[in-house]
Amino acid sequence: MHDDLNARESAENADDSRPSRDVPRDPARPMADREVPIGVSRTSDLVHAWLDGEISESALIGHDAGRQVEFWKRLDRDLETRRHMQTPDYVTQRIMDALPESAPAATPWWSRPIAMTPIAVAAAATSLLALGAAIGASIRVR
């Protein structure tokens, strides 16, 4: 998805060599809160410093970072409510009921039966024959 959320910034930094991405939005389909534009947003170094806790939010006043600050604040509010969500008890119970009563017995790899198709056997035999011929040719040369 390539929605131009920074229309003012992209208009100022327009490069005539690239095709325009001004695609009209369908009014019947509003932008969902899960849609994140890919490669469109350019977060300034000041916003990165604010997100890292290096500067305060008051240091961003007067800069053109208001939309980005609001976006990150809204994202933090949404995530905070999701962090406190708990899975209902009935979901946990349904998962536990679906588990088997006893754990399946693990068998060592060397005692498990081997099932191979005839093509796989032929390919393995051919590979071993070629390997033997290569070793034999290298020994004979010396």
C-alpha atoms as a PDB file:
ATOM      1  CA  MET A   1       0.000   0.000   0.000  1.00  0.00           C
ATOM      2  CA  HIS A   2       1.338   3.390  -0.921  1.00  0.00           C
ATOM      3  CA  ASP A   3      -0.893   6.111   0.545  1.00  0.00           C
ATOM      4  CA  ASP A   4       0.724   9.522   0.563  1.00  0.00           C
ATOM      5  CA  LEU A   5       0.121  10.628   4.142  1.00  0.00           C
ATOM      6  CA  ASN A   6       2.629  13.453   3.867  1.00  0.00           C
ATOM      7  CA  ALA A   7       1.154  15.244   0.873  1.00  0.00           C
ATOM      8  CA  ARG A   8       2.682  18.621   1.795  1.00  0.00           C
ATOM      9  CA  GLU A   9       6.141  17.135   2.315  1.00  0.00           C
ATOM     10  CA  SER A  10       6.049  15.091  -0.877  1.00  0.00           C
ATOM     11  CA  ALA A  11       4.894  18.118  -2.886  1.00  0.00           C
ATOM     12  CA  GLU A  12       7.875  20.128  -1.632  1.00  0.00           C
ATOM     13  CA  ASN A  13      10.341  17.318  -2.348  1.00  0.00           C
ATOM     14  CA  ALA A  14       8.824  16.303  -5.673  1.00  0.00           C
ATOM     15  CA  ASP A  15      11.229  14.689  -8.085  1.00  0.00           C
ATOM     16  CA  ASP A  16      10.139  14.974 -11.721  1.00  0.00           C
ATOM     17  CA  SER A  17      11.969  11.773 -12.664  1.00  0.00           C
ATOM     18  CA  ARG A  18       9.629   9.630 -10.559  1.00  0.00           C
ATOM     19  CA  PRO A  19       6.019   9.012 -11.528  1.00  0.00           C
ATOM     20  CA  SER A  20       3.416  10.698  -9.391  1.00  0.00           C
ATOM     21  CA  ARG A  21       1.671   8.587  -6.768  1.00  0.00           C
ATOM     22  CA  ASP A  22      -1.379  10.812  -6.474  1.00  0.00           C
ATOM     23  CA  VAL A  23      -3.961   8.049  -6.529  1.00  0.00           C
ATOM     24  CA  PRO A  24      -7.479   9.166  -5.650  1.00  0.00           C
ATOM     25  CA  ARG A  25      -8.851   7.345  -2.607  1.00  0.00           C
ATOM     26  CA  ASP A  26     -12.117   5.492  -2.848  1.00  0.00           C
ATOM     27  CA  PRO A  27     -14.509   7.350  -0.508  1.00  0.00           C
ATOM     28  CA  ALA A  28     -16.508   4.156   0.006  1.00  0.00           C
ATOM     29  CA  ARG A  29     -13.434   2.467   1.511  1.00  0.00           C
ATOM     30  CA  PRO A  30     -12.007   4.548   4.377  1.00  0.00           C
ATOM     31  CA  MET A  31      -8.449   3.951   5.487  1.00  0.00           C
ATOM     32  CA  ALA A  32      -8.383   1.295   8.179  1.00  0.00           C
ATOM     33  CA  ASP A  33      -6.334   1.813  11.294  1.00  0.00           C
ATOM     34  CA  ARG A  34      -4.250  -1.272  10.404  1.00  0.00           C
ATOM     35  CA  GLU A  35      -3.025   0.028   7.054  1.00  0.00           C
ATOM     36  CA  VAL A  36       0.525   1.302   7.261  1.00  0.00           C
ATOM     37  CA  PRO A  37       2.076   3.051   4.275  1.00  0.00           C
ATOM     38  CA  ILE A  38       5.274   1.487   2.992  1.00  0.00           C
ATOM     39  CA  GLY A  39       8.217   3.772   2.336  1.00  0.00           C
ATOM     40  CA  VAL A  40       6.222   7.003   2.237  1.00  0.00           C
ATOM     41  CA  SER A  41       6.689   8.521   5.663  1.00  0.00           C
ATOM     42  CA  ARG A  42       9.924  10.308   6.483  1.00  0.00           C
ATOM     43  CA  THR A  43      10.279  10.611  10.233  1.00  0.00           C
ATOM     44  CA  SER A  44      12.555  13.481  11.186  1.00  0.00           C
ATOM     45  CA  ASP A  45      15.567  13.084  13.454  1.00  0.00           C
ATOM     46  CA  LEU A  46      13.839  15.183  16.117  1.00  0.00           C
ATOM     47  CA  VAL A  47      10.912  12.762  16.263  1.00  0.00           C
ATOM     48  CA  HIS A  48      13.342   9.852  16.513  1.00  0.00           C
ATOM     49  CA  ALA A  49      15.110  11.624  19.380  1.00  0.00           C
ATOM     50  CA  TRP A  50      11.743  12.222  21.094  1.00  0.00           C
ATOM     51  CA  LEU A  51      10.779   8.554  20.666  1.00  0.00           C
ATOM     52  CA  ASP A  52      14.128   7.506  22.126  1.00  0.00           C
ATOM     53  CA  GLY A  53      13.557   9.802  25.123  1.00  0.00           C
ATOM     54  CA  GLU A  54      16.499  12.032  24.325  1.00  0.00           C
ATOM     55  CA  ILE A  55      14.453  15.237  24.030  1.00  0.00           C
ATOM     56  CA  SER A  56      11.133  16.345  25.484  1.00  0.00           C
ATOM     57  CA  GLU A  57       7.962  16.873  23.505  1.00  0.00           C
ATOM     58  CA  SER A  58       8.196  20.614  24.120  1.00  0.00           C
ATOM     59  CA  ALA A  59      11.408  20.661  22.044  1.00  0.00           C
ATOM     60  CA  LEU A  60       9.332  19.636  19.006  1.00  0.00           C
ATOM     61  CA  ILE A  61       7.062  22.681  19.195  1.00  0.00           C
ATOM     62  CA  GLY A  62       7.594  24.909  16.201  1.00  0.00           C
ATOM     63  CA  HIS A  63       8.845  22.081  14.006  1.00  0.00           C
ATOM     64  CA  ASP A  64       6.817  20.339  11.328  1.00  0.00           C
ATOM     65  CA  ALA A  65       6.439  17.134  13.351  1.00  0.00           C
ATOM     66  CA  GLY A  66       2.964  17.549  14.808  1.00  0.00           C
ATOM     67  CA  ARG A  67       1.313  14.847  12.708  1.00  0.00           C
ATOM     68  CA  GLN A  68       4.028  12.349  13.470  1.00  0.00           C
ATOM     69  CA  VAL A  69       3.936  13.089  17.200  1.00  0.00           C
ATOM     70  CA  GLU A  70       0.144  12.671  17.222  1.00  0.00           C
ATOM     71  CA  PHE A  71       0.482   9.405  15.321  1.00  0.00           C
ATOM     72  CA  TRP A  72       2.959   7.976  17.848  1.00  0.00           C
ATOM     73  CA  LYS A  73       0.881   9.187  20.809  1.00  0.00           C
ATOM     74  CA  ARG A  74      -2.251   7.574  19.360  1.00  0.00           C
ATOM     75  CA  LEU A  75      -0.318   4.374  18.663  1.00  0.00           C
ATOM     76  CA  ASP A  76       0.990   4.321  22.231  1.00  0.00           C
ATOM     77  CA  ARG A  77      -2.542   4.800  23.631  1.00  0.00           C
ATOM     78  CA  ASP A  78      -3.885   1.971  21.488  1.00  0.00           C
ATOM     79  CA  LEU A  79      -1.036  -0.342  22.424  1.00  0.00           C
ATOM     80  CA  GLU A  80      -1.418   0.448  26.111  1.00  0.00           C
ATOM     81  CA  THR A  81      -5.025  -0.740  26.063  1.00  0.00           C
ATOM     82  CA  ARG A  82      -4.011  -3.878  24.150  1.00  0.00           C
ATOM     83  CA  ARG A  83      -1.231  -4.640  26.627  1.00  0.00           C
ATOM     84  CA  HIS A  84      -3.803  -4.943  29.405  1.00  0.00           C
ATOM     85  CA  MET A  85      -6.118  -7.262  27.452  1.00  0.00           C
ATOM     86  CA  GLN A  86      -6.418 -10.805  28.726  1.00  0.00           C
ATOM     87  CA  THR A  87      -7.510 -13.932  26.933  1.00  0.00           C
ATOM     88  CA  PRO A  88     -10.906 -15.108  28.206  1.00  0.00           C
ATOM     89  CA  ASP A  89     -10.864 -18.203  30.405  1.00  0.00           C
ATOM     90  CA  TYR A  90     -12.965 -20.253  28.002  1.00  0.00           C
ATOM     91  CA  VAL A  91     -10.304 -19.907  25.273  1.00  0.00           C
ATOM     92  CA  THR A  92      -7.610 -21.205  27.599  1.00  0.00           C
ATOM     93  CA  GLN A  93      -9.866 -24.093  28.626  1.00  0.00           C
ATOM     94  CA  ARG A  94     -10.603 -25.015  25.004  1.00  0.00           C
ATOM     95  CA  ILE A  95      -6.870 -25.101  24.250  1.00  0.00           C
ATOM     96  CA  MET A  96      -6.186 -27.297  27.272  1.00  0.00           C
ATOM     97  CA  ASP A  97      -9.052 -29.651  26.335  1.00  0.00           C
ATOM     98  CA  ALA A  98      -7.595 -30.063  22.830  1.00  0.00           C
ATOM     99  CA  LEU A  99      -4.248 -31.287  24.181  1.00  0.00           C
ATOM    100  CA  PRO A 100      -3.762 -35.081  24.455  1.00  0.00           C
ATOM    101  CA  GLU A 101      -3.880 -36.709  27.888  1.00  0.00           C
ATOM    102  CA  SER A 102      -0.360 -38.112  27.652  1.00  0.00           C
ATOM    103  CA  ALA A 103       2.654 -36.948  25.731  1.00  0.00           C
ATOM    104  CA  PRO A 104       3.546 -39.067  22.719  1.00  0.00           C
ATOM    105  CA  ALA A 105       6.553 -41.335  23.221  1.00  0.00           C
ATOM    106  CA  ALA A 106       9.687 -40.094  21.511  1.00  0.00           C
ATOM    107  CA  THR A 107      11.687 -42.703  19.638  1.00  0.00           C
ATOM    108  CA  PRO A 108      15.371 -42.208  18.849  1.00  0.00           C
ATOM    109  CA  TRP A 109      16.173 -41.384  15.235  1.00  0.00           C
ATOM    110  CA  TRP A 110      18.195 -44.562  14.680  1.00  0.00           C
ATOM    111  CA  SER A 111      15.311 -46.858  15.593  1.00  0.00           C
ATOM    112  CA  ARG A 112      12.681 -45.187  13.415  1.00  0.00           C
ATOM    113  CA  PRO A 113      11.671 -47.010  10.226  1.00  0.00           C
ATOM    114  CA  ILE A 114      12.986 -45.598   6.967  1.00  0.00           C
ATOM    115  CA  ALA A 115      10.609 -45.307   4.051  1.00  0.00           C
ATOM    116  CA  MET A 116      12.135 -44.483   0.668  1.00  0.00           C
ATOM    117  CA  THR A 117      10.703 -44.461  -2.835  1.00  0.00           C
ATOM    118  CA  PRO A 118      12.431 -46.477  -5.556  1.00  0.00           C
ATOM    119  CA  ILE A 119      13.534 -43.240  -7.241  1.00  0.00           C
ATOM    120  CA  ALA A 120      15.230 -42.057  -4.050  1.00  0.00           C
ATOM    121  CA  VAL A 121      17.004 -45.408  -3.692  1.00  0.00           C
ATOM    122  CA  ALA A 122      18.194 -45.250  -7.311  1.00  0.00           C
ATOM    123  CA  ALA A 123      19.415 -41.649  -6.844  1.00  0.00           C
ATOM    124  CA  ALA A 124      21.287 -42.586  -3.651  1.00  0.00           C
ATOM    125  CA  ALA A 125      22.888 -45.614  -5.348  1.00  0.00           C
ATOM    126  CA  THR A 126      23.951 -43.506  -8.330  1.00  0.00           C
ATOM    127  CA  SER A 127      25.414 -40.846  -6.037  1.00  0.00           C
ATOM    128  CA  LEU A 128      27.380 -43.434  -4.056  1.00  0.00           C
ATOM    129  CA  LEU A 129      28.651 -45.039  -7.272  1.00  0.00           C
ATOM    130  CA  ALA A 130      29.786 -41.637  -8.603  1.00  0.00           C
ATOM    131  CA  LEU A 131      31.463 -40.832  -5.271  1.00  0.00           C
ATOM    132  CA  GLY A 132      33.260 -44.194  -5.305  1.00  0.00           C
ATOM    133  CA  ALA A 133      34.418 -43.606  -8.887  1.00  0.00           C
ATOM    134  CA  ALA A 134      35.735 -40.150  -7.985  1.00  0.00           C
ATOM    135  CA  ILE A 135      37.629 -41.498  -4.967  1.00  0.00           C
ATOM    136  CA  GLY A 136      39.005 -44.376  -7.017  1.00  0.00           C
ATOM    137  CA  ALA A 137      40.153 -42.019  -9.790  1.00  0.00           C
ATOM    138  CA  SER A 138      41.879 -39.740  -7.302  1.00  0.00           C
ATOM    139  CA  ILE A 139      43.698 -42.663  -5.665  1.00  0.00           C
ATOM    140  CA  ARG A 140      44.778 -44.153  -9.009  1.00  0.00           C
ATOM    141  CA  VAL A 141      46.293 -40.863 -10.201  1.00  0.00           C
ATOM    142  CA  ARG A 142      48.784 -40.722  -7.337  1.00  0.00           C
END
